[in-house]
Amino acid sequence: MTEAQIKEHCHWPESNWKSPDIDWKEAQFMTVGIDVGSVSSQAVIMADGQIFAYGNMRTGSNSPDSARKVIAYALAGSDMPEARIDYCVGTGYGRVNVPFADRTVTEIACHARGANFLYGPGVRTVLDVGGQDIKAIQCDEKGKVVNFLMNDKCAAGTGRGMEVFSDLLGVPIVEVGERSFAFEGVEPAAVTNSCVVYAKSEATALLRKGWSLEEVLAAYCKAMAERIYELIERLGVKTEFAVTGGMAKNRGVMDRLMPMVGVERLQTRWDTQIAGAVGAALFGLKICQKGKGRHKG
């Protein structure tokens, strides 16, 4: 398998979007949230608290460069100059390396605030499965964090863990969820160890025993769901329940997780990966409304 083929397997489609209904020239405040994660980066541009445009792309090896590329990607197709930005907030794993950010805010605060926007003020529990960690957050009706738990000790259950598994099995990551249900017979048990290193060894052994790729995918997706649930169970679930991040798009994990949680998860028309950047842009708006933006007069 070539390096290009491996990258194709573990890479998800990048995307950007611009609102056809919002004219940036008519906005009082244009604020930007930049979420530089370990796996993906997002930029959300908001006009007076409404999404004007966003970009979602893979994080490169250089965080400042990733921040610059994703803001340019979000602005693609728009005639709005970067100089029009009133405030920029950085968040995520690489938030301290966003060169043009006016301040930084933790991803936990930003995901809670972003989920409040994307899913509505009824959200009380937010699950964010990031590239390198899992966060379970409880928030109030304004999207303010009231409690949280985080697992950042191991890649098990994270987006990076799923990418490693996708590479190992040679299955495009966008197909993992569907293919994890494409087997005949009884649902296989979860792999016994969700640690990425040991799970890879176990998966290889199962394939040698004659398991199909789909059965191995099912076993790993189930193990990831169980790992994620351990964190949620410790925090406790208060309805309504929302999921942010890329794992929200993987039904192989989500459809196995939600019966454990015991509640329905909210749905949104927005890309679940932009939640952190949305929250960051909204924090920027609040600062501008206090008269502390770049363009004060």
C-alpha atoms as a PDB file:
ATOM      1  CA  MET A   1       0.000   0.000   0.000  1.00  0.00           C
ATOM      2  CA  THR A   2       1.433   3.376  -1.001  1.00  0.00           C
ATOM      3  CA  GLU A   3       1.649   6.433   1.272  1.00  0.00           C
ATOM      4  CA  ALA A   4      -0.923   8.169  -0.951  1.00  0.00           C
ATOM      5  CA  GLN A   5      -3.381   5.295  -0.484  1.00  0.00           C
ATOM      6  CA  ILE A   6      -2.932   5.373   3.311  1.00  0.00           C
ATOM      7  CA  LYS A   7      -3.622   9.101   3.390  1.00  0.00           C
ATOM      8  CA  GLU A   8      -6.726   8.550   1.279  1.00  0.00           C
ATOM      9  CA  HIS A   9      -8.023   5.960   3.735  1.00  0.00           C
ATOM     10  CA  CYS A  10      -7.682   8.024   6.893  1.00  0.00           C
ATOM     11  CA  HIS A  11      -8.574  11.423   5.434  1.00  0.00           C
ATOM     12  CA  TRP A  12     -12.137  12.725   5.496  1.00  0.00           C
ATOM     13  CA  PRO A  13     -13.431  15.262   2.947  1.00  0.00           C
ATOM     14  CA  GLU A  14     -12.523  18.877   3.691  1.00  0.00           C
ATOM     15  CA  SER A  15     -15.310  21.415   3.240  1.00  0.00           C
ATOM     16  CA  ASN A  16     -16.173  25.081   3.296  1.00  0.00           C
ATOM     17  CA  TRP A  17     -19.429  27.024   3.095  1.00  0.00           C
ATOM     18  CA  LYS A  18     -20.629  30.599   2.696  1.00  0.00           C
ATOM     19  CA  SER A  19     -24.100  31.915   3.489  1.00  0.00           C
ATOM     20  CA  PRO A  20     -25.997  33.137   0.423  1.00  0.00           C
ATOM     21  CA  ASP A  21     -28.169  35.373   2.604  1.00  0.00           C
ATOM     22  CA  ILE A  22     -25.716  37.385   4.711  1.00  0.00           C
ATOM     23  CA  ASP A  23     -23.971  40.531   3.459  1.00  0.00           C
ATOM     24  CA  TRP A  24     -20.873  41.158   5.537  1.00  0.00           C
ATOM     25  CA  LYS A  25     -20.964  44.848   4.605  1.00  0.00           C
ATOM     26  CA  GLU A  26     -24.167  45.276   6.589  1.00  0.00           C
ATOM     27  CA  ALA A  27     -22.864  43.640   9.779  1.00  0.00           C
ATOM     28  CA  GLN A  28     -21.766  45.631  12.788  1.00  0.00           C
ATOM     29  CA  PHE A  29     -19.333  42.988  14.030  1.00  0.00           C
ATOM     30  CA  MET A  30     -17.492  40.316  12.060  1.00  0.00           C
ATOM     31  CA  THR A  31     -15.920  37.850  14.466  1.00  0.00           C
ATOM     32  CA  VAL A  32     -13.844  34.743  13.804  1.00  0.00           C
ATOM     33  CA  GLY A  33     -13.266  31.557  15.743  1.00  0.00           C
ATOM     34  CA  ILE A  34     -10.257  29.416  14.852  1.00  0.00           C
ATOM     35  CA  ASP A  35     -10.187  25.886  16.272  1.00  0.00           C
ATOM     36  CA  VAL A  36      -6.827  24.227  15.614  1.00  0.00           C
ATOM     37  CA  GLY A  37      -7.137  20.628  16.734  1.00  0.00           C
ATOM     38  CA  SER A  38      -4.640  17.796  16.599  1.00  0.00           C
ATOM     39  CA  VAL A  39      -6.385  16.263  13.578  1.00  0.00           C
ATOM     40  CA  SER A  40      -8.605  18.969  12.053  1.00  0.00           C
ATOM     41  CA  SER A  41      -8.838  22.755  11.992  1.00  0.00           C
ATOM     42  CA  GLN A  42     -11.925  24.904  11.581  1.00  0.00           C
ATOM     43  CA  ALA A  43     -12.518  28.608  10.995  1.00  0.00           C
ATOM     44  CA  VAL A  44     -15.961  30.110  11.503  1.00  0.00           C
ATOM     45  CA  ILE A  45     -16.733  33.688  10.471  1.00  0.00           C
ATOM     46  CA  MET A  46     -19.824  35.187  12.085  1.00  0.00           C
ATOM     47  CA  ALA A  47     -21.724  38.339  11.180  1.00  0.00           C
ATOM     48  CA  ASP A  48     -23.356  39.696  14.345  1.00  0.00           C
ATOM     49  CA  GLY A  49     -23.583  36.198  15.780  1.00  0.00           C
ATOM     50  CA  GLN A  50     -24.798  34.405  12.631  1.00  0.00           C
ATOM     51  CA  ILE A  51     -22.626  32.068  10.570  1.00  0.00           C
ATOM     52  CA  PHE A  52     -21.402  33.871   7.465  1.00  0.00           C
ATOM     53  CA  ALA A  53     -18.825  31.291   6.359  1.00  0.00           C
ATOM     54  CA  TYR A  54     -16.695  28.422   7.606  1.00  0.00           C
ATOM     55  CA  GLY A  55     -13.862  26.148   6.575  1.00  0.00           C
ATOM     56  CA  ASN A  56     -13.037  22.667   7.843  1.00  0.00           C
ATOM     57  CA  MET A  57      -9.748  21.075   6.884  1.00  0.00           C
ATOM     58  CA  ARG A  58      -7.039  18.768   8.123  1.00  0.00           C
ATOM     59  CA  THR A  59      -4.453  20.165  10.521  1.00  0.00           C
ATOM     60  CA  GLY A  60      -0.940  20.145   9.117  1.00  0.00           C
ATOM     61  CA  SER A  61       2.335  19.768  10.963  1.00  0.00           C
ATOM     62  CA  ASN A  62       2.506  23.516  11.663  1.00  0.00           C
ATOM     63  CA  SER A  63      -0.286  25.048  13.786  1.00  0.00           C
ATOM     64  CA  PRO A  64       0.219  28.689  12.718  1.00  0.00           C
ATOM     65  CA  ASP A  65       0.220  27.622   9.082  1.00  0.00           C
ATOM     66  CA  SER A  66      -2.925  25.528   9.619  1.00  0.00           C
ATOM     67  CA  ALA A  67      -4.664  28.548  11.152  1.00  0.00           C
ATOM     68  CA  ARG A  68      -3.750  30.734   8.179  1.00  0.00           C
ATOM     69  CA  LYS A  69      -4.853  28.127   5.655  1.00  0.00           C
ATOM     70  CA  VAL A  70      -8.219  27.454   7.278  1.00  0.00           C
ATOM     71  CA  ILE A  71      -9.180  31.145   7.522  1.00  0.00           C
ATOM     72  CA  ALA A  72      -8.266  31.548   3.851  1.00  0.00           C
ATOM     73  CA  TYR A  73     -10.343  28.444   3.057  1.00  0.00           C
ATOM     74  CA  ALA A  74     -13.334  29.875   4.940  1.00  0.00           C
ATOM     75  CA  LEU A  75     -13.022  33.184   3.075  1.00  0.00           C
ATOM     76  CA  ALA A  76     -12.698  31.515  -0.335  1.00  0.00           C
ATOM     77  CA  GLY A  77     -15.491  32.720  -2.604  1.00  0.00           C
ATOM     78  CA  SER A  78     -16.097  35.806  -0.473  1.00  0.00           C
ATOM     79  CA  ASP A  79     -14.956  39.360  -1.163  1.00  0.00           C
ATOM     80  CA  MET A  80     -14.595  40.090   2.557  1.00  0.00           C
ATOM     81  CA  PRO A  81     -11.006  41.106   3.394  1.00  0.00           C
ATOM     82  CA  GLU A  82      -9.322  39.788   6.532  1.00  0.00           C
ATOM     83  CA  ALA A  83      -8.894  43.405   7.625  1.00  0.00           C
ATOM     84  CA  ARG A  84     -12.658  43.556   8.196  1.00  0.00           C
ATOM     85  CA  ILE A  85     -12.415  41.117  11.121  1.00  0.00           C
ATOM     86  CA  ASP A  86     -13.318  42.823  14.400  1.00  0.00           C
ATOM     87  CA  TYR A  87     -12.077  40.076  16.710  1.00  0.00           C
ATOM     88  CA  CYS A  88     -10.541  36.615  16.476  1.00  0.00           C
ATOM     89  CA  VAL A  89     -10.524  33.962  19.192  1.00  0.00           C
ATOM     90  CA  GLY A  90      -8.330  30.874  19.014  1.00  0.00           C
ATOM     91  CA  THR A  91      -9.272  27.569  20.612  1.00  0.00           C
ATOM     92  CA  GLY A  92      -8.356  23.898  20.451  1.00  0.00           C
ATOM     93  CA  TYR A  93      -5.135  21.972  20.837  1.00  0.00           C
ATOM     94  CA  GLY A  94      -3.112  24.590  18.945  1.00  0.00           C
ATOM     95  CA  ARG A  95      -4.899  27.712  20.161  1.00  0.00           C
ATOM     96  CA  VAL A  96      -1.755  29.385  21.487  1.00  0.00           C
ATOM     97  CA  ASN A  97      -0.259  29.174  17.996  1.00  0.00           C
ATOM     98  CA  VAL A  98      -2.966  31.059  16.099  1.00  0.00           C
ATOM     99  CA  PRO A  99      -0.844  34.058  15.045  1.00  0.00           C
ATOM    100  CA  PHE A 100      -3.679  36.519  14.418  1.00  0.00           C
ATOM    101  CA  ALA A 101      -5.890  35.630  17.424  1.00  0.00           C
ATOM    102  CA  ASP A 102      -6.724  38.456  19.824  1.00  0.00           C
ATOM    103  CA  ARG A 103      -7.161  35.975  22.669  1.00  0.00           C
ATOM    104  CA  THR A 104      -7.628  32.267  23.366  1.00  0.00           C
ATOM    105  CA  VAL A 105     -10.432  30.346  25.070  1.00  0.00           C
ATOM    106  CA  THR A 106     -10.395  26.676  26.107  1.00  0.00           C
ATOM    107  CA  GLU A 107     -12.044  24.174  23.793  1.00  0.00           C
ATOM    108  CA  ILE A 108     -14.298  22.978  26.613  1.00  0.00           C
ATOM    109  CA  ALA A 109     -15.873  26.426  26.983  1.00  0.00           C
ATOM    110  CA  CYS A 110     -16.051  26.860  23.204  1.00  0.00           C
ATOM    111  CA  HIS A 111     -17.682  23.491  22.523  1.00  0.00           C
ATOM    112  CA  ALA A 112     -20.332  24.111  25.168  1.00  0.00           C
ATOM    113  CA  ARG A 113     -21.113  27.536  23.723  1.00  0.00           C
ATOM    114  CA  GLY A 114     -20.962  26.221  20.172  1.00  0.00           C
ATOM    115  CA  ALA A 115     -23.283  23.305  20.940  1.00  0.00           C
ATOM    116  CA  ASN A 116     -25.739  25.778  22.455  1.00  0.00           C
ATOM    117  CA  PHE A 117     -25.766  27.618  19.114  1.00  0.00           C
ATOM    118  CA  LEU A 118     -25.814  24.569  16.815  1.00  0.00           C
ATOM    119  CA  TYR A 119     -28.365  22.527  18.755  1.00  0.00           C
ATOM    120  CA  GLY A 120     -30.317  25.120  20.727  1.00  0.00           C
ATOM    121  CA  PRO A 121     -30.459  26.390  24.323  1.00  0.00           C
ATOM    122  CA  GLY A 122     -31.994  23.158  25.609  1.00  0.00           C
ATOM    123  CA  VAL A 123     -28.641  21.334  25.447  1.00  0.00           C
ATOM    124  CA  ARG A 124     -27.409  20.240  28.860  1.00  0.00           C
ATOM    125  CA  THR A 125     -24.853  17.514  28.045  1.00  0.00           C
ATOM    126  CA  VAL A 126     -22.274  17.789  25.278  1.00  0.00           C
ATOM    127  CA  LEU A 127     -19.974  15.007  24.128  1.00  0.00           C
ATOM    128  CA  ASP A 128     -16.976  16.111  22.096  1.00  0.00           C
ATOM    129  CA  VAL A 129     -14.781  13.365  20.679  1.00  0.00           C
ATOM    130  CA  GLY A 130     -11.693  15.151  19.460  1.00  0.00           C
ATOM    131  CA  GLY A 131      -8.617  13.959  17.639  1.00  0.00           C
ATOM    132  CA  GLN A 132      -6.699  13.189  20.812  1.00  0.00           C
ATOM    133  CA  ASP A 133      -9.171  13.401  23.691  1.00  0.00           C
ATOM    134  CA  ILE A 134     -12.773  12.903  24.770  1.00  0.00           C
ATOM    135  CA  LYS A 135     -14.706  15.575  26.647  1.00  0.00           C
ATOM    136  CA  ALA A 136     -18.063  15.197  28.406  1.00  0.00           C
ATOM    137  CA  ILE A 137     -19.511  18.581  29.340  1.00  0.00           C
ATOM    138  CA  GLN A 138     -22.563  19.770  31.219  1.00  0.00           C
ATOM    139  CA  CYS A 139     -23.763  23.295  30.460  1.00  0.00           C
ATOM    140  CA  ASP A 140     -26.609  25.684  31.237  1.00  0.00           C
ATOM    141  CA  GLU A 141     -29.156  27.356  28.949  1.00  0.00           C
ATOM    142  CA  LYS A 142     -26.583  29.945  27.877  1.00  0.00           C
ATOM    143  CA  GLY A 143     -23.951  27.376  26.938  1.00  0.00           C
ATOM    144  CA  LYS A 144     -21.859  28.053  30.033  1.00  0.00           C
ATOM    145  CA  VAL A 145     -19.910  25.071  31.411  1.00  0.00           C
ATOM    146  CA  VAL A 146     -21.120  23.848  34.804  1.00  0.00           C
ATOM    147  CA  ASN A 147     -19.189  20.553  34.937  1.00  0.00           C
ATOM    148  CA  PHE A 148     -16.956  18.425  32.733  1.00  0.00           C
ATOM    149  CA  LEU A 149     -14.729  15.351  32.548  1.00  0.00           C
ATOM    150  CA  MET A 150     -11.948  14.745  30.078  1.00  0.00           C
ATOM    151  CA  ASN A 151      -9.910  11.754  28.979  1.00  0.00           C
ATOM    152  CA  ASP A 152      -6.631  12.754  27.367  1.00  0.00           C
ATOM    153  CA  LYS A 153      -4.388   9.899  28.519  1.00  0.00           C
ATOM    154  CA  CYS A 154      -4.893   7.558  25.589  1.00  0.00           C
ATOM    155  CA  ALA A 155      -5.926   7.719  21.922  1.00  0.00           C
ATOM    156  CA  ALA A 156      -8.520   4.977  22.479  1.00  0.00           C
ATOM    157  CA  GLY A 157     -11.954   6.249  21.550  1.00  0.00           C
ATOM    158  CA  THR A 158     -10.613   9.345  19.784  1.00  0.00           C
ATOM    159  CA  GLY A 159     -10.569  10.489  16.187  1.00  0.00           C
ATOM    160  CA  ARG A 160      -6.878   9.699  15.874  1.00  0.00           C
ATOM    161  CA  GLY A 161      -7.509   6.188  17.127  1.00  0.00           C
ATOM    162  CA  MET A 162     -10.106   5.691  14.402  1.00  0.00           C
ATOM    163  CA  GLU A 163      -7.694   7.008  11.775  1.00  0.00           C
ATOM    164  CA  VAL A 164      -5.032   4.520  12.865  1.00  0.00           C
ATOM    165  CA  PHE A 165      -7.550   1.698  12.610  1.00  0.00           C
ATOM    166  CA  SER A 166      -8.721   2.900   9.208  1.00  0.00           C
ATOM    167  CA  ASP A 167      -5.130   2.837   7.969  1.00  0.00           C
ATOM    168  CA  LEU A 168      -4.538  -0.621   9.403  1.00  0.00           C
ATOM    169  CA  LEU A 169      -7.557  -2.173   7.694  1.00  0.00           C
ATOM    170  CA  GLY A 170      -7.307  -0.174   4.476  1.00  0.00           C
ATOM    171  CA  VAL A 171     -10.887   1.073   4.790  1.00  0.00           C
ATOM    172  CA  PRO A 172     -11.633   4.740   3.987  1.00  0.00           C
ATOM    173  CA  ILE A 173     -12.596   6.451   7.204  1.00  0.00           C
ATOM    174  CA  VAL A 174     -15.809   7.786   5.676  1.00  0.00           C
ATOM    175  CA  GLU A 175     -16.918   4.176   5.079  1.00  0.00           C
ATOM    176  CA  VAL A 176     -16.045   2.763   8.503  1.00  0.00           C
ATOM    177  CA  GLY A 177     -19.432   3.450  10.105  1.00  0.00           C
ATOM    178  CA  GLU A 178     -21.573   1.878   7.394  1.00  0.00           C
ATOM    179  CA  ARG A 179     -19.265  -1.070   6.838  1.00  0.00           C
ATOM    180  CA  SER A 180     -19.219  -1.877  10.549  1.00  0.00           C
ATOM    181  CA  PHE A 181     -22.842  -3.002  10.135  1.00  0.00           C
ATOM    182  CA  ALA A 182     -22.332  -4.833   6.829  1.00  0.00           C
ATOM    183  CA  PHE A 183     -21.832  -8.340   8.179  1.00  0.00           C
ATOM    184  CA  GLU A 184     -24.015 -11.394   8.555  1.00  0.00           C
ATOM    185  CA  GLY A 185     -24.923 -12.997  11.829  1.00  0.00           C
ATOM    186  CA  VAL A 186     -24.611 -11.874  15.421  1.00  0.00           C
ATOM    187  CA  GLU A 187     -22.864  -8.644  16.401  1.00  0.00           C
ATOM    188  CA  PRO A 188     -19.301  -9.547  17.435  1.00  0.00           C
ATOM    189  CA  ALA A 189     -18.010  -8.702  20.879  1.00  0.00           C
ATOM    190  CA  ALA A 190     -15.895  -5.596  21.305  1.00  0.00           C
ATOM    191  CA  VAL A 191     -12.159  -5.991  20.973  1.00  0.00           C
ATOM    192  CA  THR A 192     -10.893  -6.670  24.472  1.00  0.00           C
ATOM    193  CA  ASN A 193      -8.459  -3.759  24.586  1.00  0.00           C
ATOM    194  CA  SER A 194      -9.383  -0.385  23.108  1.00  0.00           C
ATOM    195  CA  CYS A 195      -5.803   0.896  23.414  1.00  0.00           C
ATOM    196  CA  VAL A 196      -4.809   1.699  19.838  1.00  0.00           C
ATOM    197  CA  VAL A 197      -1.550  -0.283  19.967  1.00  0.00           C
ATOM    198  CA  TYR A 198      -3.072  -3.440  21.396  1.00  0.00           C
ATOM    199  CA  ALA A 199      -6.284  -3.138  19.375  1.00  0.00           C
ATOM    200  CA  LYS A 200      -4.215  -3.139  16.184  1.00  0.00           C
ATOM    201  CA  SER A 201      -2.535  -6.382  17.240  1.00  0.00           C
ATOM    202  CA  GLU A 202      -5.850  -7.925  18.195  1.00  0.00           C
ATOM    203  CA  ALA A 203      -7.468  -6.872  14.917  1.00  0.00           C
ATOM    204  CA  THR A 204      -4.639  -8.446  12.941  1.00  0.00           C
ATOM    205  CA  ALA A 205      -5.046 -11.678  14.905  1.00  0.00           C
ATOM    206  CA  LEU A 206      -8.814 -11.709  14.280  1.00  0.00           C
ATOM    207  CA  LEU A 207      -8.315 -11.266  10.546  1.00  0.00           C
ATOM    208  CA  ARG A 208      -5.906 -14.211  10.563  1.00  0.00           C
ATOM    209  CA  LYS A 209      -8.588 -16.268  12.288  1.00  0.00           C
ATOM    210  CA  GLY A 210     -10.938 -15.586   9.390  1.00  0.00           C
ATOM    211  CA  TRP A 211     -12.962 -12.642  10.637  1.00  0.00           C
ATOM    212  CA  SER A 212     -14.199 -10.344   7.892  1.00  0.00           C
ATOM    213  CA  LEU A 213     -13.127  -6.692   7.759  1.00  0.00           C
ATOM    214  CA  GLU A 214     -16.692  -5.722   8.625  1.00  0.00           C
ATOM    215  CA  GLU A 215     -16.709  -7.884  11.747  1.00  0.00           C
ATOM    216  CA  VAL A 216     -13.406  -6.400  12.910  1.00  0.00           C
ATOM    217  CA  LEU A 217     -14.732  -2.882  12.272  1.00  0.00           C
ATOM    218  CA  ALA A 218     -17.840  -3.699  14.286  1.00  0.00           C
ATOM    219  CA  ALA A 219     -15.762  -5.017  17.177  1.00  0.00           C
ATOM    220  CA  TYR A 220     -13.576  -1.907  17.214  1.00  0.00           C
ATOM    221  CA  CYS A 221     -16.463   0.570  16.847  1.00  0.00           C
ATOM    222  CA  LYS A 222     -18.181  -1.176  19.752  1.00  0.00           C
ATOM    223  CA  ALA A 223     -15.017  -0.932  21.859  1.00  0.00           C
ATOM    224  CA  MET A 224     -14.778   2.794  21.072  1.00  0.00           C
ATOM    225  CA  ALA A 225     -18.420   3.292  22.033  1.00  0.00           C
ATOM    226  CA  GLU A 226     -17.842   1.514  25.337  1.00  0.00           C
ATOM    227  CA  ARG A 227     -14.729   3.595  26.026  1.00  0.00           C
ATOM    228  CA  ILE A 228     -16.615   6.830  25.353  1.00  0.00           C
ATOM    229  CA  TYR A 229     -19.559   5.703  27.476  1.00  0.00           C
ATOM    230  CA  GLU A 230     -17.291   5.136  30.485  1.00  0.00           C
ATOM    231  CA  LEU A 231     -16.566   8.869  30.540  1.00  0.00           C
ATOM    232  CA  ILE A 232     -20.179   9.911  29.965  1.00  0.00           C
ATOM    233  CA  GLU A 233     -21.382   7.589  32.724  1.00  0.00           C
ATOM    234  CA  ARG A 234     -18.959   9.115  35.210  1.00  0.00           C
ATOM    235  CA  LEU A 235     -20.202  12.624  34.479  1.00  0.00           C
ATOM    236  CA  GLY A 236     -23.874  11.706  34.217  1.00  0.00           C
ATOM    237  CA  VAL A 237     -26.201  12.559  31.356  1.00  0.00           C
ATOM    238  CA  LYS A 238     -28.687  15.384  31.543  1.00  0.00           C
ATOM    239  CA  THR A 239     -31.011  15.710  28.593  1.00  0.00           C
ATOM    240  CA  GLU A 240     -30.859  17.193  26.072  1.00  0.00           C
ATOM    241  CA  PHE A 241     -27.745  15.438  24.708  1.00  0.00           C
ATOM    242  CA  ALA A 242     -25.591  16.705  21.819  1.00  0.00           C
ATOM    243  CA  VAL A 243     -22.449  15.405  20.132  1.00  0.00           C
ATOM    244  CA  THR A 244     -19.799  17.618  18.530  1.00  0.00           C
ATOM    245  CA  GLY A 245     -16.664  16.770  16.593  1.00  0.00           C
ATOM    246  CA  GLY A 246     -15.968  14.383  13.745  1.00  0.00           C
ATOM    247  CA  MET A 247     -17.007  11.215  15.577  1.00  0.00           C
ATOM    248  CA  ALA A 248     -20.606  12.464  15.509  1.00  0.00           C
ATOM    249  CA  LYS A 249     -20.550  11.526  11.806  1.00  0.00           C
ATOM    250  CA  ASN A 250     -19.521   7.903  12.449  1.00  0.00           C
ATOM    251  CA  ARG A 251     -22.678   5.858  12.912  1.00  0.00           C
ATOM    252  CA  GLY A 252     -20.600   2.767  13.642  1.00  0.00           C
ATOM    253  CA  VAL A 253     -19.694   4.328  16.988  1.00  0.00           C
ATOM    254  CA  MET A 254     -22.726   6.561  17.555  1.00  0.00           C
ATOM    255  CA  ASP A 255     -25.389   3.924  16.854  1.00  0.00           C
ATOM    256  CA  ARG A 256     -23.692   1.630  19.360  1.00  0.00           C
ATOM    257  CA  LEU A 257     -23.132   4.376  21.927  1.00  0.00           C
ATOM    258  CA  MET A 258     -26.596   5.890  22.136  1.00  0.00           C
ATOM    259  CA  PRO A 259     -28.405   2.760  23.446  1.00  0.00           C
ATOM    260  CA  MET A 260     -25.866   2.731  26.282  1.00  0.00           C
ATOM    261  CA  VAL A 261     -26.519   6.392  27.031  1.00  0.00           C
ATOM    262  CA  GLY A 262     -30.258   5.730  27.056  1.00  0.00           C
ATOM    263  CA  VAL A 263     -31.374   9.027  25.507  1.00  0.00           C
ATOM    264  CA  GLU A 264     -31.782  10.361  22.006  1.00  0.00           C
ATOM    265  CA  ARG A 265     -29.164  12.726  20.696  1.00  0.00           C
ATOM    266  CA  LEU A 266     -30.081  16.036  19.155  1.00  0.00           C
ATOM    267  CA  GLN A 267     -29.607  16.624  15.437  1.00  0.00           C
ATOM    268  CA  THR A 268     -28.309  19.712  13.662  1.00  0.00           C
ATOM    269  CA  ARG A 269     -28.068  20.875  10.060  1.00  0.00           C
ATOM    270  CA  TRP A 270     -24.570  22.206  10.706  1.00  0.00           C
ATOM    271  CA  ASP A 271     -21.244  20.386  10.409  1.00  0.00           C
ATOM    272  CA  THR A 272     -20.638  19.008  13.920  1.00  0.00           C
ATOM    273  CA  GLN A 273     -16.895  19.691  13.578  1.00  0.00           C
ATOM    274  CA  ILE A 274     -17.345  23.482  13.618  1.00  0.00           C
ATOM    275  CA  ALA A 275     -18.803  23.658  17.147  1.00  0.00           C
ATOM    276  CA  GLY A 276     -15.585  24.780  18.837  1.00  0.00           C
ATOM    277  CA  ALA A 277     -14.928  27.505  16.268  1.00  0.00           C
ATOM    278  CA  VAL A 278     -18.539  28.681  16.518  1.00  0.00           C
ATOM    279  CA  GLY A 279     -18.184  29.037  20.274  1.00  0.00           C
ATOM    280  CA  ALA A 280     -14.919  30.930  19.833  1.00  0.00           C
ATOM    281  CA  ALA A 281     -16.495  33.367  17.362  1.00  0.00           C
ATOM    282  CA  LEU A 282     -19.383  33.959  19.775  1.00  0.00           C
ATOM    283  CA  PHE A 283     -16.939  34.757  22.585  1.00  0.00           C
ATOM    284  CA  GLY A 284     -15.390  37.266  20.195  1.00  0.00           C
ATOM    285  CA  LEU A 285     -18.783  38.850  19.569  1.00  0.00           C
ATOM    286  CA  LYS A 286     -19.366  39.296  23.287  1.00  0.00           C
ATOM    287  CA  ILE A 287     -16.030  41.103  23.572  1.00  0.00           C
ATOM    288  CA  CYS A 288     -16.900  43.387  20.651  1.00  0.00           C
ATOM    289  CA  GLN A 289     -20.246  44.239  22.212  1.00  0.00           C
ATOM    290  CA  LYS A 290     -18.320  45.472  25.235  1.00  0.00           C
ATOM    291  CA  GLY A 291     -16.448  47.911  22.999  1.00  0.00           C
ATOM    292  CA  LYS A 292     -13.164  45.987  23.036  1.00  0.00           C
ATOM    293  CA  GLY A 293     -12.922  44.941  19.387  1.00  0.00           C
ATOM    294  CA  ARG A 294     -10.203  45.874  16.928  1.00  0.00           C
ATOM    295  CA  HIS A 295     -12.313  48.606  15.349  1.00  0.00           C
ATOM    296  CA  LYS A 296     -13.548  50.624  18.308  1.00  0.00           C
ATOM    297  CA  GLY A 297     -14.752  53.628  16.475  1.00  0.00           C
END
